[in-house]
Amino acid sequence: MQNEKTIWQLVDQKGPVFETLSESVWDVPETNFQEVSSCALHRETLLEQGFRVTECAGGLKTAVMGESGKGGPVIAFLGEFDALPNLSQQANVSHPAPITPDGNGHGCGHNLLGAGALAAATAVKDWLEQTGTPGTVRYYGCPAEEGGAGKVFMIRNGAFDGVDCAISWHPFAFTTVCPPSSLANVCMDFVFTGRSSHAAMSPHLGRSALDAAELMNVGVNYLREHMLPTSRIHYAYINAGGKAANVVQSETRIRYMIRAEKLEDLFPLQKRVENIAHGAALMTETQVDIQVLSGMANLMPAPKLEKLMQHNIEELGPLPLSPTDYHYAQDIQATIPQTDIVSAYSMMEIPYQENVSIFNEIIPYRPYFTKNILGSTDVGDVSWIVPTVQLLATTMAVGTSLHSWQATAQGKSSLAHKGMLHAAKIMAATAINILENPSILEKENKKRDYKAIIPKTVEPPSTHEPR
């Protein structure tokens, strides 16, 4: 218990540094693989705190890694700092107010995620230096979690070689260990190419790429009846061929995102969708080019580490909140449909509480928590190669949806800062427990057959749609 209190104090001592970092990143929202300023802010903080810094970690220009200590075990804290398009929003207000029309914004709280993970890593670094305990701490500033699968490219390029354990967190409306698995996914473009012609004068000479895309959609919609109920398929037209209705469209591009509960379920479903695309091309005498853009594995559980993190949640206790925190959360909650608030409790499988703007109770550890996180994260890929534990921490009002203006607005709030440092204390305490008792990791080390969804021929793109 004494060591935990020491690590909490180390987080508090440098709390203002990381509050400033999170706000600075919030001020320069950059989408995936474009996080030049955000990465630079993290790099500068790593240098100021005395880490050995590796730029372009894993071969990515907007990734950075800081390291301190000597020997094993090697514990990695995973940070992120990418923003989302079209979520520009003023901070600390309770109404939609874009700073820049159609601009970027931190609607998923990654400004907090990166700063909080770095706060935890710094506290562990300072503790290692003070106590002389053997071990190494690393901080990974990872780009492009939002649909770009940055960590997958980093894994491919050996960035996580030598890591024994990974710890991360995510801003949320509840504080809990994150035992449920996220969904594996793959994002693909299907580019159909045909032959243009005058749609009235010579339709028989045309080969419609638009018809092919439409037939593909019909086929996939029939497939939905015959896939696992936990799987998901979404699509959007990137290029429907043009605006002229009297032309047989010669090229279309349609983007599909396919999700499944497990990697072993994803690959066969992906193949079936690809077969439908080939069938649509055959029916229309067009060609189809299939391009994999990104993909992420499902999150693998680590029960021993989850129980350890739960212990630290309980030791630290609830957030130290003020009336101002509750008042602002109430103002935000007033903009959220009641159905969304009720749904938030349902998703967490806890009883609904009326008139609660901030949930500040300790949620018991539930190893058999039945709900999956219905989104996807590239933290899942890391969890296939090293034991990984993840925390959800309260930084926003109950009912707040991620990827919303409300989430962006709360990104600089007092609650956000408190929740971020609370998360840092829990993560840092979990790390020192592992450093003091490395045998914990021996119980978690399971050899897994990891196969990245993204082919080795695919390089990181300049931009992608958010997950």
Protein backbone atom coordinates (compact mmCIF):
# COMPACT_ATOMS: atom_id res chain seq x y z
CA MET A 1 0.00 0.00 0.00
CA GLN A 2 2.89 2.37 0.75
CA ASN A 3 4.28 2.01 -2.76
CA GLU A 4 0.87 2.74 -4.24
CA LYS A 5 0.61 5.94 -2.20
CA THR A 6 4.08 6.93 -3.34
CA ILE A 7 3.20 6.45 -7.00
CA TRP A 8 -0.03 8.43 -6.57
CA GLN A 9 2.00 11.29 -5.12
CA LEU A 10 4.43 11.13 -8.03
CA VAL A 11 1.51 11.48 -10.46
CA ASP A 12 0.12 14.45 -8.52
CA GLN A 13 3.50 16.20 -8.37
CA LYS A 14 3.63 16.46 -12.15
CA GLY A 15 -0.10 16.61 -12.76
CA PRO A 16 -0.04 20.18 -14.13
CA VAL A 17 2.54 19.15 -16.77
CA PHE A 18 0.18 16.58 -18.22
CA GLU A 19 -2.93 18.70 -17.89
CA THR A 20 -1.10 21.28 -20.01
CA LEU A 21 -0.05 18.58 -22.50
CA SER A 22 -3.61 17.32 -22.88
CA GLU A 23 -4.92 20.85 -23.46
CA SER A 24 -2.15 21.63 -25.96
CA VAL A 25 -3.00 18.51 -27.97
CA TRP A 26 -6.72 19.38 -27.76
CA ASP A 27 -5.85 22.77 -29.29
CA VAL A 28 -4.24 21.21 -32.41
CA PRO A 29 -6.61 18.38 -33.40
CA GLU A 30 -5.02 16.27 -36.13
CA THR A 31 -6.48 13.21 -37.81
CA ASN A 32 -4.77 9.89 -38.40
CA PHE A 33 -1.22 9.88 -39.71
CA GLN A 34 -1.28 13.70 -39.72
CA GLU A 35 -0.48 14.20 -36.01
CA VAL A 36 2.72 16.18 -36.56
CA SER A 37 2.16 18.82 -33.87
CA SER A 38 0.60 16.38 -31.40
CA CYS A 39 3.52 13.96 -31.74
CA ALA A 40 5.99 16.84 -31.33
CA LEU A 41 4.29 17.90 -28.09
CA HIS A 42 4.65 14.37 -26.70
CA ARG A 43 8.26 14.13 -27.88
CA GLU A 44 9.12 17.43 -26.16
CA THR A 45 7.50 16.26 -22.92
CA LEU A 46 9.38 12.95 -23.03
CA LEU A 47 12.68 14.80 -23.43
CA GLU A 48 11.83 17.24 -20.63
CA GLN A 49 11.05 14.32 -18.31
CA GLY A 50 14.36 12.59 -19.05
CA PHE A 51 13.30 9.70 -21.28
CA ARG A 52 15.51 8.24 -23.99
CA VAL A 53 13.52 9.10 -27.09
CA THR A 54 13.09 7.22 -30.37
CA GLU A 55 11.48 9.28 -33.11
CA CYS A 56 9.47 7.69 -35.93
CA ALA A 57 8.84 4.65 -33.73
CA GLY A 58 7.96 1.60 -35.78
CA GLY A 59 8.75 3.51 -38.95
CA LEU A 60 5.79 5.90 -38.58
CA LYS A 61 6.54 9.60 -38.86
CA THR A 62 4.01 10.58 -36.21
CA ALA A 63 4.92 7.89 -33.67
CA VAL A 64 7.32 8.37 -30.78
CA MET A 65 8.71 6.12 -28.07
CA GLY A 66 10.30 7.08 -24.76
CA GLU A 67 12.21 4.65 -22.56
CA SER A 68 13.75 4.70 -19.10
CA GLY A 69 15.23 2.15 -16.73
CA LYS A 70 17.29 -0.98 -17.19
CA GLY A 71 16.57 -4.67 -17.37
CA GLY A 72 13.25 -6.45 -17.17
CA PRO A 73 10.39 -6.61 -17.05
CA VAL A 74 9.69 -4.08 -19.81
CA ILE A 75 6.34 -2.38 -19.32
CA ALA A 76 4.79 -0.33 -22.12
CA PHE A 77 2.21 2.40 -21.71
CA LEU A 78 0.19 2.94 -24.87
CA GLY A 79 -0.81 6.51 -25.70
CA GLU A 80 -2.75 8.03 -28.59
CA PHE A 81 -3.32 11.58 -29.79
CA ASP A 82 -5.30 11.50 -33.06
CA ALA A 83 -8.51 13.51 -33.43
CA LEU A 84 -11.62 13.10 -35.59
CA PRO A 85 -12.91 15.06 -38.58
CA ASN A 86 -16.01 17.26 -38.32
CA LEU A 87 -15.97 17.41 -34.51
CA SER A 88 -14.56 20.90 -33.97
CA GLN A 89 -16.15 22.29 -30.82
CA GLN A 90 -15.53 24.96 -28.19
CA ALA A 91 -14.51 23.64 -24.79
CA ASN A 92 -16.48 23.86 -21.56
CA VAL A 93 -19.79 24.88 -23.13
CA SER A 94 -23.02 22.89 -23.26
CA HIS A 95 -24.20 23.63 -26.79
CA PRO A 96 -22.85 22.87 -30.28
CA ALA A 97 -20.29 25.57 -31.11
CA PRO A 98 -17.68 24.59 -33.72
CA ILE A 99 -14.41 26.51 -33.56
CA THR A 100 -13.88 25.80 -37.26
CA PRO A 101 -16.77 24.70 -39.50
CA ASP A 102 -16.17 21.07 -40.53
CA GLY A 103 -12.91 21.15 -38.55
CA ASN A 104 -11.28 18.43 -36.50
CA GLY A 105 -11.93 17.83 -32.83
CA HIS A 106 -11.01 15.47 -30.00
CA GLY A 107 -14.35 13.69 -29.83
CA CYS A 108 -12.81 10.48 -28.50
CA GLY A 109 -10.64 12.03 -25.80
CA HIS A 110 -7.29 11.00 -27.22
CA ASN A 111 -5.77 14.26 -26.00
CA LEU A 112 -6.43 12.87 -22.52
CA LEU A 113 -5.50 9.30 -23.42
CA GLY A 114 -1.97 10.15 -24.53
CA ALA A 115 -1.27 12.62 -21.74
CA GLY A 116 -2.65 10.27 -19.08
CA ALA A 117 -0.59 7.32 -20.31
CA LEU A 118 2.54 9.50 -20.37
CA ALA A 119 1.77 10.74 -16.85
CA ALA A 120 1.67 7.12 -15.66
CA ALA A 121 4.90 6.26 -17.50
CA THR A 122 6.66 9.28 -16.00
CA ALA A 123 5.57 8.38 -12.48
CA VAL A 124 6.88 4.83 -12.96
CA LYS A 125 10.15 6.22 -14.35
CA ASP A 126 10.57 8.44 -11.28
CA TRP A 127 9.71 5.54 -8.96
CA LEU A 128 12.27 3.26 -10.63
CA GLU A 129 14.94 5.93 -10.18
CA GLN A 130 14.03 6.54 -6.54
CA THR A 131 13.84 2.89 -5.51
CA GLY A 132 16.51 1.34 -7.73
CA THR A 133 14.08 -1.40 -8.70
CA PRO A 134 15.14 -3.25 -11.87
CA GLY A 135 12.86 -2.82 -14.84
CA THR A 136 12.20 -0.68 -17.89
CA VAL A 137 9.27 1.58 -18.66
CA ARG A 138 8.33 2.66 -22.15
CA TYR A 139 5.80 5.14 -23.46
CA TYR A 140 4.49 4.69 -26.98
CA GLY A 141 2.85 7.68 -28.62
CA CYS A 142 0.81 5.87 -31.26
CA PRO A 143 -0.82 7.57 -34.25
CA ALA A 144 -3.95 6.73 -36.21
CA GLU A 145 -6.02 4.60 -33.86
CA GLU A 146 -9.15 6.04 -35.46
CA GLY A 147 -9.42 3.73 -38.43
CA GLY A 148 -5.75 3.86 -39.42
CA ALA A 149 -4.53 0.92 -37.29
CA GLY A 150 -1.25 2.64 -36.50
CA LYS A 151 -0.21 0.04 -33.92
CA VAL A 152 -0.54 -2.74 -36.51
CA PHE A 153 2.14 -1.09 -38.66
CA MET A 154 4.24 -0.52 -35.53
CA ILE A 155 3.98 -4.22 -34.61
CA ARG A 156 4.96 -5.22 -38.15
CA ASN A 157 8.07 -3.04 -37.92
CA GLY A 158 9.17 -4.41 -34.54
CA ALA A 159 8.32 -1.40 -32.35
CA PHE A 160 7.05 -3.61 -29.51
CA ASP A 161 9.88 -6.14 -29.58
CA GLY A 162 11.10 -6.86 -26.07
CA VAL A 163 7.92 -5.63 -24.35
CA ASP A 164 6.65 -7.91 -21.56
CA CYS A 165 3.37 -6.17 -20.76
CA ALA A 166 1.25 -3.31 -22.11
CA ILE A 167 -1.06 -0.99 -20.18
CA SER A 168 -3.51 1.52 -21.60
CA TRP A 169 -6.77 3.32 -20.88
CA HIS A 170 -9.58 5.22 -22.57
CA PRO A 171 -11.68 8.20 -21.48
CA PHE A 172 -15.25 7.15 -20.74
CA ALA A 173 -18.27 7.82 -18.52
CA PHE A 174 -17.52 4.98 -16.09
CA THR A 175 -14.38 3.73 -14.34
CA THR A 176 -13.78 0.02 -14.75
CA VAL A 177 -11.30 -2.57 -15.91
CA CYS A 178 -11.93 -3.27 -19.56
CA PRO A 179 -12.48 -7.06 -19.68
CA PRO A 180 -14.82 -7.35 -22.67
CA SER A 181 -13.28 -7.87 -26.07
CA SER A 182 -13.44 -5.33 -28.85
CA LEU A 183 -14.38 -6.45 -32.34
CA ALA A 184 -11.88 -7.44 -35.00
CA ASN A 185 -12.40 -5.48 -38.20
CA VAL A 186 -11.14 -4.92 -41.71
CA CYS A 187 -11.70 -1.82 -43.84
CA MET A 188 -11.64 -2.38 -47.60
CA ASP A 189 -12.31 -0.47 -50.80
CA PHE A 190 -13.94 -2.20 -53.77
CA VAL A 191 -13.17 -0.36 -57.00
CA PHE A 192 -15.33 -1.43 -59.94
CA THR A 193 -14.23 -0.48 -63.45
CA GLY A 194 -16.50 -0.77 -66.49
CA ARG A 195 -17.00 1.11 -69.76
CA SER A 196 -18.81 4.41 -70.15
CA SER A 197 -21.42 5.01 -72.81
CA HIS A 198 -24.45 7.18 -73.56
CA ALA A 199 -27.21 5.77 -71.40
CA ALA A 200 -29.94 6.43 -73.99
CA MET A 201 -28.19 6.29 -77.36
CA SER A 202 -25.88 3.29 -76.80
CA PRO A 203 -26.60 1.65 -73.44
CA HIS A 204 -25.69 -1.76 -74.88
CA LEU A 205 -22.10 -0.63 -75.27
CA GLY A 206 -21.72 0.38 -71.63
CA ARG A 207 -20.63 -1.77 -68.69
CA SER A 208 -21.87 -0.13 -65.52
CA ALA A 209 -19.55 0.01 -62.53
CA LEU A 210 -22.45 1.53 -60.59
CA ASP A 211 -24.62 -1.50 -61.34
CA ALA A 212 -21.81 -3.71 -60.06
CA ALA A 213 -21.57 -1.78 -56.79
CA GLU A 214 -25.35 -1.88 -56.36
CA LEU A 215 -25.44 -5.62 -56.98
CA MET A 216 -22.64 -6.10 -54.47
CA ASN A 217 -24.65 -4.22 -51.85
CA VAL A 218 -27.71 -6.38 -52.57
CA GLY A 219 -25.64 -9.52 -52.22
CA VAL A 220 -24.10 -8.40 -48.94
CA ASN A 221 -27.52 -7.47 -47.58
CA TYR A 222 -28.70 -11.04 -48.27
CA LEU A 223 -25.53 -12.31 -46.58
CA ARG A 224 -26.54 -10.62 -43.32
CA GLU A 225 -29.07 -13.40 -42.63
CA HIS A 226 -26.32 -15.99 -42.82
CA MET A 227 -23.56 -14.51 -40.65
CA LEU A 228 -22.98 -14.60 -36.92
CA PRO A 229 -25.22 -12.19 -34.99
CA THR A 230 -22.15 -10.64 -33.35
CA SER A 231 -20.71 -9.64 -36.74
CA ARG A 232 -21.30 -6.29 -38.43
CA ILE A 233 -20.98 -4.98 -41.99
CA HIS A 234 -21.12 -1.27 -42.90
CA TYR A 235 -20.56 0.45 -46.22
CA ALA A 236 -20.38 3.88 -47.82
CA TYR A 237 -19.97 5.13 -51.37
CA ILE A 238 -16.69 6.96 -51.83
CA ASN A 239 -17.31 7.49 -55.55
CA ALA A 240 -20.69 6.64 -57.06
CA GLY A 241 -19.44 7.30 -60.57
CA GLY A 242 -20.50 10.85 -61.23
CA LYS A 243 -23.49 13.19 -61.31
CA ALA A 244 -24.66 12.65 -64.90
CA ALA A 245 -27.61 10.26 -65.01
CA ASN A 246 -27.37 9.87 -68.81
CA VAL A 247 -23.93 8.24 -68.62
CA VAL A 248 -23.19 4.60 -67.94
CA GLN A 249 -20.79 4.98 -65.02
CA SER A 250 -17.36 3.55 -65.73
CA GLU A 251 -15.88 3.58 -62.21
CA THR A 252 -17.18 3.38 -58.66
CA ARG A 253 -15.50 2.98 -55.29
CA ILE A 254 -17.33 1.62 -52.29
CA ARG A 255 -15.84 1.23 -48.81
CA TYR A 256 -16.78 -1.70 -46.59
CA MET A 257 -16.00 -2.22 -42.92
CA ILE A 258 -16.45 -5.78 -41.73
CA ARG A 259 -16.41 -6.62 -38.02
CA ALA A 260 -16.47 -9.90 -36.13
CA GLU A 261 -16.10 -10.99 -32.52
CA LYS A 262 -12.91 -12.94 -33.24
CA LEU A 263 -10.19 -12.96 -35.88
CA GLU A 264 -11.08 -16.53 -36.82
CA ASP A 265 -14.63 -15.36 -37.59
CA LEU A 266 -13.52 -12.26 -39.48
CA PHE A 267 -11.39 -13.90 -42.17
CA PRO A 268 -14.13 -16.21 -43.57
CA LEU A 269 -16.69 -13.38 -43.51
CA GLN A 270 -14.23 -11.14 -45.34
CA LYS A 271 -13.79 -13.86 -47.97
CA ARG A 272 -17.55 -14.15 -48.49
CA VAL A 273 -17.86 -10.41 -49.04
CA GLU A 274 -14.99 -10.54 -51.53
CA ASN A 275 -16.72 -13.40 -53.38
CA ILE A 276 -19.90 -11.34 -53.64
CA ALA A 277 -17.88 -8.50 -55.16
CA HIS A 278 -16.37 -10.87 -57.73
CA GLY A 279 -19.86 -12.17 -58.50
CA ALA A 280 -21.17 -8.64 -59.03
CA ALA A 281 -18.29 -7.93 -61.40
CA LEU A 282 -18.98 -11.15 -63.30
CA MET A 283 -22.68 -10.31 -63.70
CA THR A 284 -21.94 -6.85 -65.08
CA GLU A 285 -18.84 -7.69 -67.11
CA THR A 286 -16.78 -5.23 -65.07
CA GLN A 287 -13.55 -5.63 -63.15
CA VAL A 288 -13.13 -5.24 -59.40
CA ASP A 289 -9.97 -4.25 -57.55
CA ILE A 290 -10.06 -5.05 -53.83
CA GLN A 291 -7.88 -2.86 -51.60
CA VAL A 292 -7.38 -3.54 -47.89
CA LEU A 293 -6.95 -0.20 -46.11
CA SER A 294 -6.76 -1.14 -42.44
CA GLY A 295 -7.70 -3.82 -39.97
CA MET A 296 -7.59 -4.52 -36.25
CA ALA A 297 -7.67 -7.66 -34.13
CA ASN A 298 -10.06 -8.27 -31.25
CA LEU A 299 -8.83 -7.47 -27.74
CA MET A 300 -7.57 -10.51 -25.84
CA PRO A 301 -8.26 -10.69 -22.09
CA ALA A 302 -5.56 -10.88 -19.40
CA PRO A 303 -7.44 -11.95 -16.24
CA LYS A 304 -4.49 -11.79 -13.80
CA LEU A 305 -3.62 -8.25 -14.87
CA GLU A 306 -7.28 -7.24 -14.86
CA LYS A 307 -7.65 -8.37 -11.23
CA LEU A 308 -4.49 -6.46 -10.34
CA MET A 309 -5.85 -3.31 -11.97
CA GLN A 310 -9.19 -3.78 -10.19
CA HIS A 311 -7.32 -3.91 -6.87
CA ASN A 312 -5.78 -0.53 -7.66
CA ILE A 313 -9.12 0.97 -8.67
CA GLU A 314 -10.51 -0.05 -5.28
CA GLU A 315 -7.43 1.14 -3.36
CA LEU A 316 -7.56 4.58 -4.99
CA GLY A 317 -11.30 4.97 -4.58
CA PRO A 318 -13.68 7.44 -6.26
CA LEU A 319 -12.76 10.68 -8.00
CA PRO A 320 -12.43 13.84 -5.86
CA LEU A 321 -15.25 15.82 -7.49
CA SER A 322 -16.51 19.35 -6.87
CA PRO A 323 -19.97 20.93 -7.24
CA THR A 324 -18.65 22.64 -10.39
CA ASP A 325 -17.89 19.24 -11.92
CA TYR A 326 -21.43 18.06 -11.28
CA HIS A 327 -23.02 21.28 -12.54
CA TYR A 328 -21.21 21.16 -15.87
CA ALA A 329 -21.98 17.45 -16.27
CA GLN A 330 -25.66 18.22 -15.62
CA ASP A 331 -25.60 20.91 -18.32
CA ILE A 332 -24.07 18.45 -20.78
CA GLN A 333 -26.47 15.69 -19.80
CA ALA A 334 -29.40 18.01 -20.51
CA THR A 335 -28.39 17.89 -24.20
CA ILE A 336 -28.37 14.07 -24.31
CA PRO A 337 -31.53 12.05 -25.06
CA GLN A 338 -32.80 10.10 -22.06
CA THR A 339 -32.64 6.91 -24.11
CA ASP A 340 -28.88 7.40 -24.52
CA ILE A 341 -28.42 7.79 -20.78
CA VAL A 342 -30.41 4.63 -20.03
CA SER A 343 -28.50 2.80 -22.76
CA ALA A 344 -25.17 3.77 -21.17
CA TYR A 345 -26.11 1.88 -18.00
CA SER A 346 -27.44 -1.06 -20.02
CA MET A 347 -24.19 -1.34 -21.96
CA MET A 348 -22.26 -1.55 -18.67
CA GLU A 349 -24.79 -4.03 -17.26
CA ILE A 350 -25.39 -1.96 -14.15
CA PRO A 351 -28.77 -0.70 -12.83
CA TYR A 352 -29.94 2.65 -14.14
CA GLN A 353 -29.58 5.55 -11.70
CA GLU A 354 -31.83 8.55 -12.12
CA ASN A 355 -30.45 12.10 -11.92
CA VAL A 356 -26.80 10.99 -11.79
CA SER A 357 -24.69 13.21 -14.02
CA ILE A 358 -21.30 11.69 -13.06
CA PHE A 359 -21.02 8.02 -12.15
CA ASN A 360 -18.45 7.90 -9.35
CA GLU A 361 -18.93 4.45 -7.86
CA ILE A 362 -16.56 1.48 -7.88
CA ILE A 363 -17.79 -1.14 -10.34
CA PRO A 364 -16.92 -4.70 -9.21
CA TYR A 365 -14.63 -6.77 -11.41
CA ARG A 366 -16.61 -9.01 -13.72
CA PRO A 367 -14.44 -11.51 -15.61
CA TYR A 368 -17.49 -12.81 -17.45
CA PHE A 369 -18.87 -9.42 -18.43
CA THR A 370 -21.01 -10.39 -21.44
CA LYS A 371 -21.08 -7.22 -23.52
CA ASN A 372 -18.48 -6.68 -26.19
CA ILE A 373 -17.16 -3.21 -26.93
CA LEU A 374 -18.93 -2.92 -30.27
CA GLY A 375 -16.18 -0.76 -31.69
CA SER A 376 -12.65 -1.74 -32.60
CA THR A 377 -9.19 -0.70 -31.47
CA ASP A 378 -5.65 -1.51 -32.54
CA VAL A 379 -4.83 -2.09 -28.87
CA GLY A 380 -6.36 -5.47 -29.71
CA ASP A 381 -3.41 -6.27 -31.98
CA VAL A 382 -0.94 -5.46 -29.20
CA SER A 383 -2.87 -7.79 -26.88
CA TRP A 384 -2.18 -10.70 -29.25
CA ILE A 385 1.60 -10.31 -28.91
CA VAL A 386 1.99 -9.26 -25.24
CA PRO A 387 -0.32 -9.43 -22.18
CA THR A 388 -2.33 -6.22 -22.22
CA VAL A 389 -4.64 -4.62 -19.67
CA GLN A 390 -6.83 -1.62 -20.32
CA LEU A 391 -8.79 0.77 -18.13
CA LEU A 392 -11.88 2.83 -18.80
CA ALA A 393 -11.90 5.98 -16.67
CA THR A 394 -14.54 8.60 -15.95
CA THR A 395 -13.85 11.87 -17.76
CA MET A 396 -17.33 12.79 -19.00
CA ALA A 397 -21.00 12.90 -18.09
CA VAL A 398 -23.07 9.72 -18.10
CA GLY A 399 -24.68 9.22 -21.50
CA THR A 400 -21.99 11.06 -23.45
CA SER A 401 -21.36 9.31 -26.74
CA LEU A 402 -17.82 9.06 -27.97
CA HIS A 403 -17.36 10.77 -31.36
CA SER A 404 -19.81 13.53 -30.42
CA TRP A 405 -19.59 17.30 -29.89
CA GLN A 406 -20.37 16.70 -26.21
CA ALA A 407 -17.25 14.54 -25.87
CA THR A 408 -15.12 17.21 -27.53
CA ALA A 409 -16.58 19.95 -25.33
CA GLN A 410 -15.69 18.07 -22.13
CA GLY A 411 -12.09 17.41 -23.20
CA LYS A 412 -10.68 20.38 -21.25
CA SER A 413 -13.01 20.21 -18.27
CA SER A 414 -12.01 19.86 -14.64
CA LEU A 415 -13.63 16.40 -14.66
CA ALA A 416 -11.52 15.41 -17.67
CA HIS A 417 -8.31 16.47 -15.93
CA LYS A 418 -9.23 14.70 -12.70
CA GLY A 419 -10.26 11.54 -14.54
CA MET A 420 -7.06 11.55 -16.58
CA LEU A 421 -4.80 11.75 -13.51
CA HIS A 422 -6.99 9.20 -11.70
CA ALA A 423 -6.39 6.83 -14.61
CA ALA A 424 -2.65 7.57 -14.51
CA LYS A 425 -2.51 6.62 -10.82
CA ILE A 426 -4.33 3.32 -11.41
CA MET A 427 -2.12 2.42 -14.38
CA ALA A 428 1.11 3.43 -12.65
CA ALA A 429 0.22 1.48 -9.49
CA THR A 430 -0.57 -1.58 -11.62
CA ALA A 431 2.83 -1.24 -13.30
CA ILE A 432 4.80 -1.10 -10.05
CA ASN A 433 2.90 -4.13 -8.75
CA ILE A 434 4.17 -5.99 -11.82
CA LEU A 435 7.70 -4.65 -11.38
CA GLU A 436 7.71 -5.86 -7.78
CA ASN A 437 6.29 -9.26 -8.72
CA PRO A 438 7.21 -10.10 -12.34
CA SER A 439 6.01 -13.68 -11.91
CA ILE A 440 2.49 -12.33 -12.53
CA LEU A 441 3.40 -12.08 -16.19
CA GLU A 442 4.41 -15.74 -16.38
CA LYS A 443 0.80 -16.66 -15.68
CA GLU A 444 -0.41 -14.41 -18.52
CA ASN A 445 2.13 -15.32 -21.20
CA LYS A 446 0.14 -17.39 -23.67
CA LYS A 447 1.52 -18.03 -27.12
CA ARG A 448 -0.97 -16.82 -29.70
CA ASP A 449 -0.93 -17.24 -33.45
CA TYR A 450 -1.22 -13.60 -34.48
CA LYS A 451 -1.87 -12.80 -38.11
CA ALA A 452 -2.19 -9.13 -39.00
CA ILE A 453 -5.26 -8.32 -41.07
CA ILE A 454 -3.38 -5.73 -43.11
CA PRO A 455 -1.23 -7.37 -45.83
CA LYS A 456 2.51 -6.70 -45.68
CA THR A 457 2.30 -4.97 -49.05
CA VAL A 458 0.05 -2.22 -47.63
CA GLU A 459 1.84 0.87 -46.37
CA PRO A 460 0.34 3.43 -43.95
CA PRO A 461 -2.00 5.71 -45.90
CA SER A 462 -2.21 9.46 -45.50
CA THR A 463 -5.77 9.42 -44.18
CA HIS A 464 -8.72 7.13 -43.51
CA GLU A 465 -12.29 7.28 -42.37
CA PRO A 466 -12.75 6.97 -38.57
CA ARG A 467 -13.64 3.59 -37.14
